[in-house]
Amino acid sequence: RTVVNCEKERLSIPTFYCPSPDAVIGPAPALVTEEEPAVYRQFTYGEYYDKFWSIELANEDCLDTFRASASKTRSV
């Protein structure tokens, strides 16, 4: 059973154990429209893995490096 807070957005990020470096991660095409554009661009697991280990626990959020351009994102 899931309890959802109707006053605050929830972010769910599926994770997989060591997918192929060529695995493409991105939103389902049916969920992306002009009114609701993708917040993050598509990227491969290899790109994410390389970036994750290159930041060496810096304050930078790894996922932020994959944001879509500001003109295409909606504010959250």
Protein backbone atom coordinates (compact mmCIF):
# COMPACT_ATOMS: atom_id res chain seq x y z
CA ARG A 1 0.00 0.00 0.00
CA THR A 2 1.24 3.47 -0.87
CA VAL A 3 0.35 6.71 0.86
CA VAL A 4 0.90 9.76 -1.35
CA ASN A 5 1.21 13.30 -0.06
CA CYS A 6 -1.12 15.33 -2.31
CA GLU A 7 0.59 18.60 -1.32
CA LYS A 8 4.14 17.73 -2.34
CA GLU A 9 5.63 16.10 -5.45
CA ARG A 10 7.37 12.77 -5.05
CA LEU A 11 10.41 11.77 -7.07
CA SER A 12 10.88 8.08 -7.79
CA ILE A 13 14.09 6.88 -9.36
CA PRO A 14 14.27 3.22 -10.33
CA THR A 15 17.70 1.72 -9.88
CA PHE A 16 19.12 -1.45 -11.29
CA TYR A 17 22.14 -3.47 -10.32
CA CYS A 18 24.86 -2.90 -12.92
CA PRO A 19 22.87 -2.43 -16.12
CA SER A 20 24.75 -2.50 -19.40
CA PRO A 21 26.85 0.65 -19.96
CA ASP A 22 24.82 1.10 -23.17
CA ALA A 23 21.47 1.02 -21.33
CA VAL A 24 19.57 4.24 -22.07
CA ILE A 25 17.98 5.96 -19.08
CA GLY A 26 15.26 8.52 -19.65
CA PRO A 27 11.58 9.30 -19.32
CA ALA A 28 8.98 7.18 -21.08
CA PRO A 29 8.23 8.95 -24.40
CA ALA A 30 4.49 8.80 -23.73
CA LEU A 31 5.00 10.98 -20.64
CA VAL A 32 6.86 13.81 -22.41
CA THR A 33 4.77 16.54 -24.05
CA GLU A 34 5.20 20.23 -24.87
CA GLU A 35 3.17 21.02 -21.74
CA GLU A 36 5.18 18.57 -19.60
CA PRO A 37 8.71 18.45 -21.08
CA ALA A 38 11.42 16.13 -19.82
CA VAL A 39 13.37 17.50 -16.87
CA TYR A 40 16.39 15.32 -17.66
CA ARG A 41 17.87 14.38 -21.02
CA GLN A 42 18.36 10.76 -21.97
CA PHE A 43 21.74 9.34 -21.01
CA THR A 44 23.42 5.98 -20.86
CA TYR A 45 24.25 4.16 -17.68
CA GLY A 46 27.90 4.40 -18.75
CA GLU A 47 27.67 8.22 -18.79
CA TYR A 48 26.05 8.24 -15.36
CA TYR A 49 28.56 5.78 -13.91
CA ASP A 50 31.54 7.78 -15.18
CA LYS A 51 30.14 11.06 -13.86
CA PHE A 52 29.14 9.56 -10.50
CA TRP A 53 32.66 8.31 -9.78
CA SER A 54 34.37 11.43 -11.14
CA ILE A 55 32.78 13.87 -8.66
CA GLU A 56 34.52 12.21 -5.69
CA LEU A 57 31.82 13.04 -3.12
CA ALA A 58 31.78 16.72 -4.08
CA ASN A 59 28.76 18.88 -3.29
CA GLU A 60 27.65 18.61 -6.90
CA ASP A 61 24.61 16.40 -7.50
CA CYS A 62 25.47 13.91 -10.22
CA LEU A 63 21.93 13.77 -11.60
CA ASP A 64 21.87 17.56 -12.10
CA THR A 65 24.48 17.20 -14.84
CA PHE A 66 21.87 15.42 -16.95
CA ARG A 67 19.16 18.10 -16.71
CA ALA A 68 17.58 19.11 -19.99
CA SER A 69 18.23 22.68 -21.12
CA ALA A 70 16.57 25.33 -18.95
CA SER A 71 14.35 26.50 -21.81
CA LYS A 72 12.77 23.05 -22.05
CA THR A 73 12.27 22.28 -18.36
CA ARG A 74 9.36 23.15 -16.18
CA SER A 75 9.89 24.47 -12.69
CA VAL A 76 9.41 21.95 -9.89
